[in-house]
Amino acid sequence: MRYLFLVGCLFFNTQSAFANNEAYFNRVTEAIGRAENSVKYPYGVKSINTHGNKALARKYCLNSVRNNWKRWEVAGNPGNFIDFMSRRYCPVNAPDDPNGLNVNWSKNVRYFLNG
C-alpha cells in the first residue's frame, strides 16, 4: 500500500510539474513556427506530410517539444533545452540541409522565444 502511495505521489508531482511547463511548451512551439517560417513545412514538420496544414503541423511540433523535454529531463538536463532539442529536431549536417542552415536554428528559436 505504501508503494502505491509513493508511486501515486511521484506520478502526481511529475504530471503537475509537466502541466506547469505547458505555457513554456506553447511558447517554444510558436518560436519554432516563426523561426521555420515555411508555408510548405509549417513549424518545420517534414517527417509527416501535413499538406501545409498549419494547425496539424503545430500539433506535431508541440508534441515534439513535450517529448524532447522528457528526453532532456531523463538525460539530466544537459545544457540548454533549445540546443538539446535542435540536435534531434533540426540536426546540423542533416541530408536535407546541404547549405548548412540548420546551424542557425537554435539561435533563431531563442530569438523568437525571448523576443
PDB file of N, CA and C in Angstrom:
ATOM      1  N   MET A   1       0.823  -1.188   0.000  1.00  0.00           N
ATOM      2  CA  MET A   1       0.000   0.000   0.000  1.00  0.00           C
ATOM      3  C   MET A   1       0.873   1.261   0.000  1.00  0.00           C
ATOM      4  N   ARG A   2       1.915   1.245   0.803  1.00  0.00           N
ATOM      5  CA  ARG A   2       2.814   2.391   0.866  1.00  0.00           C
ATOM      6  C   ARG A   2       3.469   2.616  -0.501  1.00  0.00           C
ATOM      7  N   TYR A   3       3.798   1.520  -1.181  1.00  0.00           N
ATOM      8  CA  TYR A   3       4.412   1.618  -2.502  1.00  0.00           C
ATOM      9  C   TYR A   3       3.475   2.327  -3.486  1.00  0.00           C
ATOM     10  N   LEU A   4       2.201   1.941  -3.478  1.00  0.00           N
ATOM     11  CA  LEU A   4       1.234   2.567  -4.371  1.00  0.00           C
ATOM     12  C   LEU A   4       1.094   4.057  -4.070  1.00  0.00           C
ATOM     13  N   PHE A   5       1.130   4.408  -2.792  1.00  0.00           N
ATOM     14  CA  PHE A   5       1.051   5.812  -2.413  1.00  0.00           C
ATOM     15  C   PHE A   5       2.238   6.590  -2.973  1.00  0.00           C
ATOM     16  N   LEU A   6       3.437   6.020  -2.833  1.00  0.00           N
ATOM     17  CA  LEU A   6       4.637   6.691  -3.328  1.00  0.00           C
ATOM     18  C   LEU A   6       4.616   6.829  -4.848  1.00  0.00           C
ATOM     19  N   VAL A   7       4.171   5.783  -5.527  1.00  0.00           N
ATOM     20  CA  VAL A   7       4.076   5.837  -6.985  1.00  0.00           C
ATOM     21  C   VAL A   7       3.053   6.886  -7.390  1.00  0.00           C
ATOM     22  N   GLY A   8       1.942   6.929  -6.689  1.00  0.00           N
ATOM     23  CA  GLY A   8       0.908   7.924  -6.969  1.00  0.00           C
ATOM     24  C   GLY A   8       1.430   9.338  -6.764  1.00  0.00           C
ATOM     25  N   CYS A   9       2.168   9.560  -5.684  1.00  0.00           N
ATOM     26  CA  CYS A   9       2.744  10.887  -5.424  1.00  0.00           C
ATOM     27  C   CYS A   9       3.739  11.272  -6.506  1.00  0.00           C
ATOM     28  N   LEU A  10       4.561  10.324  -6.912  1.00  0.00           N
ATOM     29  CA  LEU A  10       5.542  10.593  -7.957  1.00  0.00           C
ATOM     30  C   LEU A  10       4.843  10.948  -9.263  1.00  0.00           C
ATOM     31  N   PHE A  11       3.809  10.177  -9.603  1.00  0.00           N
ATOM     32  CA  PHE A  11       3.058  10.444 -10.827  1.00  0.00           C
ATOM     33  C   PHE A  11       2.409  11.816 -10.763  1.00  0.00           C
ATOM     34  N   PHE A  12       1.781  12.139  -9.640  1.00  0.00           N
ATOM     35  CA  PHE A  12       1.106  13.427  -9.494  1.00  0.00           C
ATOM     36  C   PHE A  12       2.105  14.569  -9.591  1.00  0.00           C
ATOM     37  N   ASN A  13       3.231  14.445  -8.910  1.00  0.00           N
ATOM     38  CA  ASN A  13       4.233  15.506  -8.951  1.00  0.00           C
ATOM     39  C   ASN A  13       4.802  15.684 -10.350  1.00  0.00           C
ATOM     40  N   THR A  14       5.031  14.582 -11.036  1.00  0.00           N
ATOM     41  CA  THR A  14       5.545  14.654 -12.399  1.00  0.00           C
ATOM     42  C   THR A  14       4.517  15.310 -13.314  1.00  0.00           C
ATOM     43  N   GLN A  15       3.274  14.879 -13.213  1.00  0.00           N
ATOM     44  CA  GLN A  15       2.226  15.448 -14.052  1.00  0.00           C
ATOM     45  C   GLN A  15       2.024  16.925 -13.726  1.00  0.00           C
ATOM     46  N   SER A  16       2.055  17.271 -12.448  1.00  0.00           N
ATOM     47  CA  SER A  16       1.870  18.654 -12.035  1.00  0.00           C
ATOM     48  C   SER A  16       2.995  19.527 -12.575  1.00  0.00           C
ATOM     49  N   ALA A  17       4.234  19.065 -12.446  1.00  0.00           N
ATOM     50  CA  ALA A  17       5.381  19.830 -12.956  1.00  0.00           C
ATOM     51  C   ALA A  17       5.295  19.955 -14.470  1.00  0.00           C
ATOM     52  N   PHE A  18       4.870  18.892 -15.122  1.00  0.00           N
ATOM     53  CA  PHE A  18       4.756  18.908 -16.574  1.00  0.00           C
ATOM     54  C   PHE A  18       3.685  19.907 -16.998  1.00  0.00           C
ATOM     55  N   ALA A  19       2.560  19.925 -16.286  1.00  0.00           N
ATOM     56  CA  ALA A  19       1.477  20.852 -16.609  1.00  0.00           C
ATOM     57  C   ALA A  19       1.935  22.298 -16.438  1.00  0.00           C
ATOM     58  N   ASN A  20       2.789  22.555 -15.460  1.00  0.00           N
ATOM     59  CA  ASN A  20       3.299  23.905 -15.253  1.00  0.00           C
ATOM     60  C   ASN A  20       4.162  24.364 -16.414  1.00  0.00           C
ATOM     61  N   ASN A  21       4.694  23.442 -17.178  1.00  0.00           N
ATOM     62  CA  ASN A  21       5.542  23.775 -18.323  1.00  0.00           C
ATOM     63  C   ASN A  21       4.747  23.975 -19.605  1.00  0.00           C
ATOM     64  N   GLU A  22       3.457  23.727 -19.574  1.00  0.00           N
ATOM     65  CA  GLU A  22       2.657  23.779 -20.796  1.00  0.00           C
ATOM     66  C   GLU A  22       2.725  25.155 -21.470  1.00  0.00           C
ATOM     67  N   ALA A  23       2.729  26.218 -20.691  1.00  0.00           N
ATOM     68  CA  ALA A  23       2.831  27.565 -21.277  1.00  0.00           C
ATOM     69  C   ALA A  23       4.184  27.728 -21.978  1.00  0.00           C
ATOM     70  N   TYR A  24       5.229  27.207 -21.351  1.00  0.00           N
ATOM     71  CA  TYR A  24       6.561  27.268 -21.968  1.00  0.00           C
ATOM     72  C   TYR A  24       6.595  26.443 -23.248  1.00  0.00           C
ATOM     73  N   PHE A  25       5.993  25.259 -23.227  1.00  0.00           N
ATOM     74  CA  PHE A  25       5.959  24.412 -24.418  1.00  0.00           C
ATOM     75  C   PHE A  25       5.260  25.137 -25.573  1.00  0.00           C
ATOM     76  N   ASN A  26       4.179  25.826 -25.274  1.00  0.00           N
ATOM     77  CA  ASN A  26       3.472  26.586 -26.303  1.00  0.00           C
ATOM     78  C   ASN A  26       4.322  27.730 -26.831  1.00  0.00           C
ATOM     79  N   ARG A  27       5.046  28.399 -25.972  1.00  0.00           N
ATOM     80  CA  ARG A  27       5.933  29.484 -26.411  1.00  0.00           C
ATOM     81  C   ARG A  27       7.053  28.953 -27.299  1.00  0.00           C
ATOM     82  N   VAL A  28       7.624  27.813 -26.915  1.00  0.00           N
ATOM     83  CA  VAL A  28       8.683  27.208 -27.733  1.00  0.00           C
ATOM     84  C   VAL A  28       8.118  26.815 -29.094  1.00  0.00           C
ATOM     85  N   THR A  29       6.931  26.234 -29.101  1.00  0.00           N
ATOM     86  CA  THR A  29       6.293  25.823 -30.352  1.00  0.00           C
ATOM     87  C   THR A  29       6.080  27.018 -31.267  1.00  0.00           C
ATOM     88  N   GLU A  30       5.584  28.118 -30.726  1.00  0.00           N
ATOM     89  CA  GLU A  30       5.383  29.314 -31.534  1.00  0.00           C
ATOM     90  C   GLU A  30       6.708  29.879 -32.030  1.00  0.00           C
ATOM     91  N   ALA A  31       7.736  29.831 -31.196  1.00  0.00           N
ATOM     92  CA  ALA A  31       9.063  30.305 -31.611  1.00  0.00           C
ATOM     93  C   ALA A  31       9.598  29.453 -32.760  1.00  0.00           C
ATOM     94  N   ILE A  32       9.379  28.146 -32.687  1.00  0.00           N
ATOM     95  CA  ILE A  32       9.801  27.253 -33.772  1.00  0.00           C
ATOM     96  C   ILE A  32       9.051  27.600 -35.052  1.00  0.00           C
ATOM     97  N   GLY A  33       7.743  27.817 -34.935  1.00  0.00           N
ATOM     98  CA  GLY A  33       6.945  28.185 -36.099  1.00  0.00           C
ATOM     99  C   GLY A  33       7.444  29.453 -36.765  1.00  0.00           C
ATOM    100  N   ARG A  34       7.789  30.439 -35.959  1.00  0.00           N
ATOM    101  CA  ARG A  34       8.289  31.708 -36.511  1.00  0.00           C
ATOM    102  C   ARG A  34       9.687  31.532 -37.098  1.00  0.00           C
ATOM    103  N   ALA A  35      10.526  30.752 -36.439  1.00  0.00           N
ATOM    104  CA  ALA A  35      11.883  30.531 -36.946  1.00  0.00           C
ATOM    105  C   ALA A  35      11.855  29.742 -38.258  1.00  0.00           C
ATOM    106  N   GLU A  36      10.986  28.765 -38.349  1.00  0.00           N
ATOM    107  CA  GLU A  36      10.891  27.957 -39.564  1.00  0.00           C
ATOM    108  C   GLU A  36      10.289  28.770 -40.715  1.00  0.00           C
ATOM    109  N   ASN A  37       9.229  29.530 -40.439  1.00  0.00           N
ATOM    110  CA  ASN A  37       8.637  30.448 -41.405  1.00  0.00           C
ATOM    111  C   ASN A  37       8.446  29.796 -42.772  1.00  0.00           C
ATOM    112  N   SER A  38       7.745  28.675 -42.791  1.00  0.00           N
ATOM    113  CA  SER A  38       7.564  27.929 -44.037  1.00  0.00           C
ATOM    114  C   SER A  38       6.090  27.654 -44.295  1.00  0.00           C
ATOM    115  N   VAL A  39       5.677  27.858 -45.530  1.00  0.00           N
ATOM    116  CA  VAL A  39       4.312  27.535 -45.924  1.00  0.00           C
ATOM    117  C   VAL A  39       4.205  26.042 -46.235  1.00  0.00           C
ATOM    118  N   LYS A  40       5.211  25.519 -46.914  1.00  0.00           N
ATOM    119  CA  LYS A  40       5.202  24.101 -47.299  1.00  0.00           C
ATOM    120  C   LYS A  40       5.383  23.199 -46.082  1.00  0.00           C
ATOM    121  N   TYR A  41       6.264  23.600 -45.147  1.00  0.00           N
ATOM    122  CA  TYR A  41       6.536  22.810 -43.946  1.00  0.00           C
ATOM    123  C   TYR A  41       6.323  23.671 -42.701  1.00  0.00           C
ATOM    124  N   PRO A  42       5.045  23.977 -42.358  1.00  0.00           N
ATOM    125  CA  PRO A  42       4.808  24.797 -41.171  1.00  0.00           C
ATOM    126  C   PRO A  42       5.444  24.156 -39.939  1.00  0.00           C
ATOM    127  N   TYR A  43       6.013  24.976 -39.093  1.00  0.00           N
ATOM    128  CA  TYR A  43       6.681  24.533 -37.868  1.00  0.00           C
ATOM    129  C   TYR A  43       7.845  23.591 -38.161  1.00  0.00           C
ATOM    130  N   GLY A  44       8.284  23.533 -39.396  1.00  0.00           N
ATOM    131  CA  GLY A  44       9.423  22.704 -39.757  1.00  0.00           C
ATOM    132  C   GLY A  44       9.114  21.219 -39.780  1.00  0.00           C
ATOM    133  N   VAL A  45       7.847  20.851 -39.778  1.00  0.00           N
ATOM    134  CA  VAL A  45       7.462  19.436 -39.752  1.00  0.00           C
ATOM    135  C   VAL A  45       7.621  18.853 -41.148  1.00  0.00           C
ATOM    136  N   LYS A  46       8.569  17.922 -41.268  1.00  0.00           N
ATOM    137  CA  LYS A  46       8.821  17.264 -42.552  1.00  0.00           C
ATOM    138  C   LYS A  46       8.616  15.756 -42.475  1.00  0.00           C
ATOM    139  N   SER A  47       8.694  15.195 -41.288  1.00  0.00           N
ATOM    140  CA  SER A  47       8.623  13.741 -41.148  1.00  0.00           C
ATOM    141  C   SER A  47       7.221  13.198 -41.399  1.00  0.00           C
ATOM    142  N   ILE A  48       6.221  14.062 -41.264  1.00  0.00           N
ATOM    143  CA  ILE A  48       4.830  13.685 -41.516  1.00  0.00           C
ATOM    144  C   ILE A  48       4.279  14.702 -42.496  1.00  0.00           C
ATOM    145  N   ASN A  49       3.662  14.241 -43.561  1.00  0.00           N
ATOM    146  CA  ASN A  49       3.130  15.168 -44.556  1.00  0.00           C
ATOM    147  C   ASN A  49       1.861  15.819 -44.017  1.00  0.00           C
ATOM    148  N   THR A  50       1.977  17.081 -43.659  1.00  0.00           N
ATOM    149  CA  THR A  50       0.816  17.818 -43.143  1.00  0.00           C
ATOM    150  C   THR A  50       0.073  18.540 -44.265  1.00  0.00           C
ATOM    151  N   HIS A  51       0.571  18.427 -45.493  1.00  0.00           N
ATOM    152  CA  HIS A  51      -0.021  19.094 -46.656  1.00  0.00           C
ATOM    153  C   HIS A  51      -0.157  20.592 -46.414  1.00  0.00           C
ATOM    154  N   GLY A  52       0.785  21.152 -45.649  1.00  0.00           N
ATOM    155  CA  GLY A  52       0.775  22.586 -45.371  1.00  0.00           C
ATOM    156  C   GLY A  52      -0.238  23.015 -44.324  1.00  0.00           C
ATOM    157  N   ASN A  53      -0.894  22.046 -43.678  1.00  0.00           N
ATOM    158  CA  ASN A  53      -1.893  22.360 -42.657  1.00  0.00           C
ATOM    159  C   ASN A  53      -1.190  22.875 -41.397  1.00  0.00           C
ATOM    160  N   LYS A  54      -1.294  24.165 -41.154  1.00  0.00           N
ATOM    161  CA  LYS A  54      -0.568  24.802 -40.057  1.00  0.00           C
ATOM    162  C   LYS A  54      -1.024  24.284 -38.688  1.00  0.00           C
ATOM    163  N   ALA A  55      -2.311  24.086 -38.500  1.00  0.00           N
ATOM    164  CA  ALA A  55      -2.820  23.611 -37.207  1.00  0.00           C
ATOM    165  C   ALA A  55      -2.314  22.198 -36.906  1.00  0.00           C
ATOM    166  N   LEU A  56      -2.314  21.352 -37.912  1.00  0.00           N
ATOM    167  CA  LEU A  56      -1.832  19.987 -37.738  1.00  0.00           C
ATOM    168  C   LEU A  56      -0.326  19.983 -37.466  1.00  0.00           C
ATOM    169  N   ALA A  57       0.414  20.792 -38.219  1.00  0.00           N
ATOM    170  CA  ALA A  57       1.860  20.881 -38.021  1.00  0.00           C
ATOM    171  C   ALA A  57       2.175  21.406 -36.618  1.00  0.00           C
ATOM    172  N   ARG A  58       1.393  22.366 -36.134  1.00  0.00           N
ATOM    173  CA  ARG A  58       1.603  22.904 -34.785  1.00  0.00           C
ATOM    174  C   ARG A  58       1.394  21.809 -33.741  1.00  0.00           C
ATOM    175  N   LYS A  59       0.388  20.991 -33.945  1.00  0.00           N
ATOM    176  CA  LYS A  59       0.112  19.883 -33.016  1.00  0.00           C
ATOM    177  C   LYS A  59       1.307  18.926 -32.951  1.00  0.00           C
ATOM    178  N   TYR A  60       1.847  18.560 -34.109  1.00  0.00           N
ATOM    179  CA  TYR A  60       3.004  17.663 -34.143  1.00  0.00           C
ATOM    180  C   TYR A  60       4.233  18.315 -33.517  1.00  0.00           C
ATOM    181  N   CYS A  61       4.415  19.589 -33.789  1.00  0.00           N
ATOM    182  CA  CYS A  61       5.558  20.311 -33.228  1.00  0.00           C
ATOM    183  C   CYS A  61       5.440  20.385 -31.706  1.00  0.00           C
ATOM    184  N   LEU A  62       4.258  20.697 -31.203  1.00  0.00           N
ATOM    185  CA  LEU A  62       4.046  20.768 -29.755  1.00  0.00           C
ATOM    186  C   LEU A  62       4.328  19.418 -29.101  1.00  0.00           C
ATOM    187  N   ASN A  63       3.886  18.344 -29.733  1.00  0.00           N
ATOM    188  CA  ASN A  63       4.183  17.002 -29.209  1.00  0.00           C
ATOM    189  C   ASN A  63       5.688  16.745 -29.202  1.00  0.00           C
ATOM    190  N   SER A  64       6.384  17.212 -30.231  1.00  0.00           N
ATOM    191  CA  SER A  64       7.838  17.048 -30.286  1.00  0.00           C
ATOM    192  C   SER A  64       8.516  17.830 -29.162  1.00  0.00           C
ATOM    193  N   VAL A  65       8.020  19.014 -28.877  1.00  0.00           N
ATOM    194  CA  VAL A  65       8.579  19.809 -27.779  1.00  0.00           C
ATOM    195  C   VAL A  65       8.386  19.062 -26.464  1.00  0.00           C
ATOM    196  N   ARG A  66       7.185  18.569 -26.225  1.00  0.00           N
ATOM    197  CA  ARG A  66       6.906  17.812 -24.983  1.00  0.00           C
ATOM    198  C   ARG A  66       7.810  16.582 -24.880  1.00  0.00           C
ATOM    199  N   ASN A  67       7.910  15.824 -25.964  1.00  0.00           N
ATOM    200  CA  ASN A  67       8.716  14.601 -25.941  1.00  0.00           C
ATOM    201  C   ASN A  67      10.194  14.903 -25.730  1.00  0.00           C
ATOM    202  N   ASN A  68      10.683  15.956 -26.368  1.00  0.00           N
ATOM    203  CA  ASN A  68      12.088  16.325 -26.179  1.00  0.00           C
ATOM    204  C   ASN A  68      12.345  16.834 -24.773  1.00  0.00           C
ATOM    205  N   TRP A  69      11.374  17.477 -24.156  1.00  0.00           N
ATOM    206  CA  TRP A  69      11.510  17.904 -22.757  1.00  0.00           C
ATOM    207  C   TRP A  69      11.694  16.680 -21.860  1.00  0.00           C
ATOM    208  N   LYS A  70      10.890  15.654 -22.106  1.00  0.00           N
ATOM    209  CA  LYS A  70      11.027  14.416 -21.321  1.00  0.00           C
ATOM    210  C   LYS A  70      12.413  13.803 -21.529  1.00  0.00           C
ATOM    211  N   ARG A  71      12.864  13.738 -22.775  1.00  0.00           N
ATOM    212  CA  ARG A  71      14.202  13.198 -23.065  1.00  0.00           C
ATOM    213  C   ARG A  71      15.289  14.023 -22.368  1.00  0.00           C
ATOM    214  N   TRP A  72      15.136  15.342 -22.403  1.00  0.00           N
ATOM    215  CA  TRP A  72      16.090  16.251 -21.784  1.00  0.00           C
ATOM    216  C   TRP A  72      16.155  16.020 -20.274  1.00  0.00           C
ATOM    217  N   GLU A  73      14.998  15.841 -19.645  1.00  0.00           N
ATOM    218  CA  GLU A  73      14.971  15.573 -18.205  1.00  0.00           C
ATOM    219  C   GLU A  73      15.606  14.222 -17.884  1.00  0.00           C
ATOM    220  N   VAL A  74      15.286  13.198 -18.669  1.00  0.00           N
ATOM    221  CA  VAL A  74      15.866  11.862 -18.446  1.00  0.00           C
ATOM    222  C   VAL A  74      17.383  11.909 -18.611  1.00  0.00           C
ATOM    223  N   ALA A  75      17.852  12.738 -19.520  1.00  0.00           N
ATOM    224  CA  ALA A  75      19.298  12.873 -19.758  1.00  0.00           C
ATOM    225  C   ALA A  75      19.988  13.713 -18.683  1.00  0.00           C
ATOM    226  N   GLY A  76      19.211  14.242 -17.736  1.00  0.00           N
ATOM    227  CA  GLY A  76      19.795  15.019 -16.647  1.00  0.00           C
ATOM    228  C   GLY A  76      19.912  16.504 -16.945  1.00  0.00           C
ATOM    229  N   ASN A  77      19.059  17.014 -17.821  1.00  0.00           N
ATOM    230  CA  ASN A  77      19.034  18.436 -18.185  1.00  0.00           C
ATOM    231  C   ASN A  77      20.392  18.939 -18.664  1.00  0.00           C
ATOM    232  N   PRO A  78      20.993  18.254 -19.641  1.00  0.00           N
ATOM    233  CA  PRO A  78      22.326  18.681 -20.103  1.00  0.00           C
ATOM    234  C   PRO A  78      22.262  19.942 -20.956  1.00  0.00           C
ATOM    235  N   GLY A  79      22.716  21.030 -20.437  1.00  0.00           N
ATOM    236  CA  GLY A  79      22.761  22.273 -21.203  1.00  0.00           C
ATOM    237  C   GLY A  79      21.400  22.886 -21.442  1.00  0.00           C
ATOM    238  N   ASN A  80      21.349  23.761 -22.401  1.00  0.00           N
ATOM    239  CA  ASN A  80      20.142  24.490 -22.758  1.00  0.00           C
ATOM    240  C   ASN A  80      19.154  23.566 -23.474  1.00  0.00           C
ATOM    241  N   PHE A  81      17.868  23.655 -23.105  1.00  0.00           N
ATOM    242  CA  PHE A  81      16.849  22.789 -23.702  1.00  0.00           C
ATOM    243  C   PHE A  81      16.746  22.987 -25.209  1.00  0.00           C
ATOM    244  N   ILE A  82      16.783  24.232 -25.671  1.00  0.00           N
ATOM    245  CA  ILE A  82      16.644  24.503 -27.112  1.00  0.00           C
ATOM    246  C   ILE A  82      17.798  23.863 -27.882  1.00  0.00           C
ATOM    247  N   ASP A  83      19.008  23.955 -27.349  1.00  0.00           N
ATOM    248  CA  ASP A  83      20.157  23.312 -28.005  1.00  0.00           C
ATOM    249  C   ASP A  83      19.987  21.796 -28.023  1.00  0.00           C
ATOM    250  N   PHE A  84      19.492  21.245 -26.919  1.00  0.00           N
ATOM    251  CA  PHE A  84      19.251  19.807 -26.836  1.00  0.00           C
ATOM    252  C   PHE A  84      18.229  19.390 -27.893  1.00  0.00           C
ATOM    253  N   MET A  85      17.140  20.142 -27.983  1.00  0.00           N
ATOM    254  CA  MET A  85      16.083  19.799 -28.931  1.00  0.00           C
ATOM    255  C   MET A  85      16.556  19.933 -30.369  1.00  0.00           C
ATOM    256  N   SER A  86      17.408  20.910 -30.632  1.00  0.00           N
ATOM    257  CA  SER A  86      17.855  21.133 -32.006  1.00  0.00           C
ATOM    258  C   SER A  86      18.611  19.936 -32.564  1.00  0.00           C
ATOM    259  N   ARG A  87      19.304  19.215 -31.710  1.00  0.00           N
ATOM    260  CA  ARG A  87      20.078  18.054 -32.185  1.00  0.00           C
ATOM    261  C   ARG A  87      19.181  16.957 -32.750  1.00  0.00           C
ATOM    262  N   ARG A  88      17.936  16.918 -32.347  1.00  0.00           N
ATOM    263  CA  ARG A  88      17.006  15.921 -32.858  1.00  0.00           C
ATOM    264  C   ARG A  88      16.054  16.529 -33.885  1.00  0.00           C
ATOM    265  N   TYR A  89      15.560  17.722 -33.603  1.00  0.00           N
ATOM    266  CA  TYR A  89      14.528  18.341 -34.435  1.00  0.00           C
ATOM    267  C   TYR A  89      15.101  18.938 -35.719  1.00  0.00           C
ATOM    268  N   CYS A  90      16.287  19.490 -35.629  1.00  0.00           N
ATOM    269  CA  CYS A  90      16.891  20.178 -36.770  1.00  0.00           C
ATOM    270  C   CYS A  90      18.403  19.993 -36.741  1.00  0.00           C
ATOM    271  N   PRO A  91      18.877  18.774 -36.942  1.00  0.00           N
ATOM    272  CA  PRO A  91      20.310  18.498 -36.785  1.00  0.00           C
ATOM    273  C   PRO A  91      21.189  19.175 -37.840  1.00  0.00           C
ATOM    274  N   VAL A  92      22.326  19.628 -37.395  1.00  0.00           N
ATOM    275  CA  VAL A  92      23.320  20.210 -38.301  1.00  0.00           C
ATOM    276  C   VAL A  92      23.889  19.082 -39.155  1.00  0.00           C
ATOM    277  N   ASN A  93      24.179  19.374 -40.399  1.00  0.00           N
ATOM    278  CA  ASN A  93      24.710  18.408 -41.369  1.00  0.00           C
ATOM    279  C   ASN A  93      23.715  17.304 -41.721  1.00  0.00           C
ATOM    280  N   ALA A  94      22.435  17.595 -41.580  1.00  0.00           N
ATOM    281  CA  ALA A  94      21.417  16.617 -41.982  1.00  0.00           C
ATOM    282  C   ALA A  94      21.390  16.535 -43.506  1.00  0.00           C
ATOM    283  N   PRO A  95      20.973  15.386 -44.060  1.00  0.00           N
ATOM    284  CA  PRO A  95      20.936  15.244 -45.513  1.00  0.00           C
ATOM    285  C   PRO A  95      20.059  16.292 -46.209  1.00  0.00           C
ATOM    286  N   ASP A  96      19.004  16.765 -45.520  1.00  0.00           N
ATOM    287  CA  ASP A  96      18.126  17.757 -46.140  1.00  0.00           C
ATOM    288  C   ASP A  96      18.583  19.196 -45.873  1.00  0.00           C
ATOM    289  N   ASP A  97      19.837  19.354 -45.418  1.00  0.00           N
ATOM    290  CA  ASP A  97      20.400  20.672 -45.138  1.00  0.00           C
ATOM    291  C   ASP A  97      21.747  20.833 -45.834  1.00  0.00           C
ATOM    292  N   PRO A  98      21.771  20.778 -47.166  1.00  0.00           N
ATOM    293  CA  PRO A  98      23.052  20.830 -47.878  1.00  0.00           C
ATOM    294  C   PRO A  98      23.795  22.163 -47.722  1.00  0.00           C
ATOM    295  N   ASN A  99      23.068  23.241 -47.383  1.00  0.00           N
ATOM    296  CA  ASN A  99      23.711  24.551 -47.244  1.00  0.00           C
ATOM    297  C   ASN A  99      24.139  24.858 -45.813  1.00  0.00           C
ATOM    298  N   GLY A 100      23.902  23.936 -44.890  1.00  0.00           N
ATOM    299  CA  GLY A 100      24.331  24.130 -43.507  1.00  0.00           C
ATOM    300  C   GLY A 100      23.553  25.185 -42.744  1.00  0.00           C
ATOM    301  N   LEU A 101      22.294  25.408 -43.116  1.00  0.00           N
ATOM    302  CA  LEU A 101      21.495  26.439 -42.461  1.00  0.00           C
ATOM    303  C   LEU A 101      20.986  26.009 -41.082  1.00  0.00           C
ATOM    304  N   ASN A 102      20.951  24.719 -40.822  1.00  0.00           N
ATOM    305  CA  ASN A 102      20.452  24.249 -39.529  1.00  0.00           C
ATOM    306  C   ASN A 102      21.267  24.775 -38.355  1.00  0.00           C
ATOM    307  N   VAL A 103      22.494  25.197 -38.618  1.00  0.00           N
ATOM    308  CA  VAL A 103      23.359  25.691 -37.553  1.00  0.00           C
ATOM    309  C   VAL A 103      22.738  26.926 -36.881  1.00  0.00           C
ATOM    310  N   ASN A 104      21.863  27.628 -37.566  1.00  0.00           N
ATOM    311  CA  ASN A 104      21.230  28.831 -37.020  1.00  0.00           C
ATOM    312  C   ASN A 104      19.920  28.558 -36.288  1.00  0.00           C
ATOM    313  N   TRP A 105      19.448  27.331 -36.316  1.00  0.00           N
ATOM    314  CA  TRP A 105      18.129  27.011 -35.779  1.00  0.00           C
ATOM    315  C   TRP A 105      17.994  27.394 -34.316  1.00  0.00           C
ATOM    316  N   SER A 106      18.907  26.964 -33.462  1.00  0.00           N
ATOM    317  CA  SER A 106      18.821  27.254 -32.026  1.00  0.00           C
ATOM    318  C   SER A 106      18.810  28.758 -31.772  1.00  0.00           C
ATOM    319  N   LYS A 107      19.698  29.457 -32.435  1.00  0.00           N
ATOM    320  CA  LYS A 107      19.789  30.909 -32.263  1.00  0.00           C
ATOM    321  C   LYS A 107      18.479  31.581 -32.681  1.00  0.00           C
ATOM    322  N   ASN A 108      17.920  31.160 -33.800  1.00  0.00           N
ATOM    323  CA  ASN A 108      16.664  31.753 -34.284  1.00  0.00           C
ATOM    324  C   ASN A 108      15.504  31.447 -33.359  1.00  0.00           C
ATOM    325  N   VAL A 109      15.404  30.213 -32.900  1.00  0.00           N
ATOM    326  CA  VAL A 109      14.314  29.845 -31.991  1.00  0.00           C
ATOM    327  C   VAL A 109      14.431  30.637 -30.690  1.00  0.00           C
ATOM    328  N   ARG A 110      15.637  30.744 -30.149  1.00  0.00           N
ATOM    329  CA  ARG A 110      15.832  31.529 -28.919  1.00  0.00           C
ATOM    330  C   ARG A 110      15.457  32.998 -29.137  1.00  0.00           C
ATOM    331  N   TYR A 111      15.785  33.527 -30.306  1.00  0.00           N
ATOM    332  CA  TYR A 111      15.456  34.908 -30.624  1.00  0.00           C
ATOM    333  C   TYR A 111      13.936  35.129 -30.527  1.00  0.00           C
ATOM    334  N   PHE A 112      13.160  34.255 -31.170  1.00  0.00           N
ATOM    335  CA  PHE A 112      11.707  34.404 -31.148  1.00  0.00           C
ATOM    336  C   PHE A 112      11.119  34.034 -29.780  1.00  0.00           C
ATOM    337  N   LEU A 113      11.764  33.150 -29.077  1.00  0.00           N
ATOM    338  CA  LEU A 113      11.298  32.768 -27.743  1.00  0.00           C
ATOM    339  C   LEU A 113      11.465  33.913 -26.758  1.00  0.00           C
ATOM    340  N   ASN A 114      12.557  34.623 -26.866  1.00  0.00           N
ATOM    341  CA  ASN A 114      12.860  35.702 -25.915  1.00  0.00           C
ATOM    342  C   ASN A 114      12.389  37.075 -26.385  1.00  0.00           C
ATOM    343  N   GLY A 115      11.964  37.147 -27.637  1.00  0.00           N
ATOM    344  CA  GLY A 115      11.611  38.448 -28.213  1.00  0.00           C
ATOM    345  C   GLY A 115      10.180  38.817 -28.126  1.00  0.00           C
TER     346      GLY A 115
END
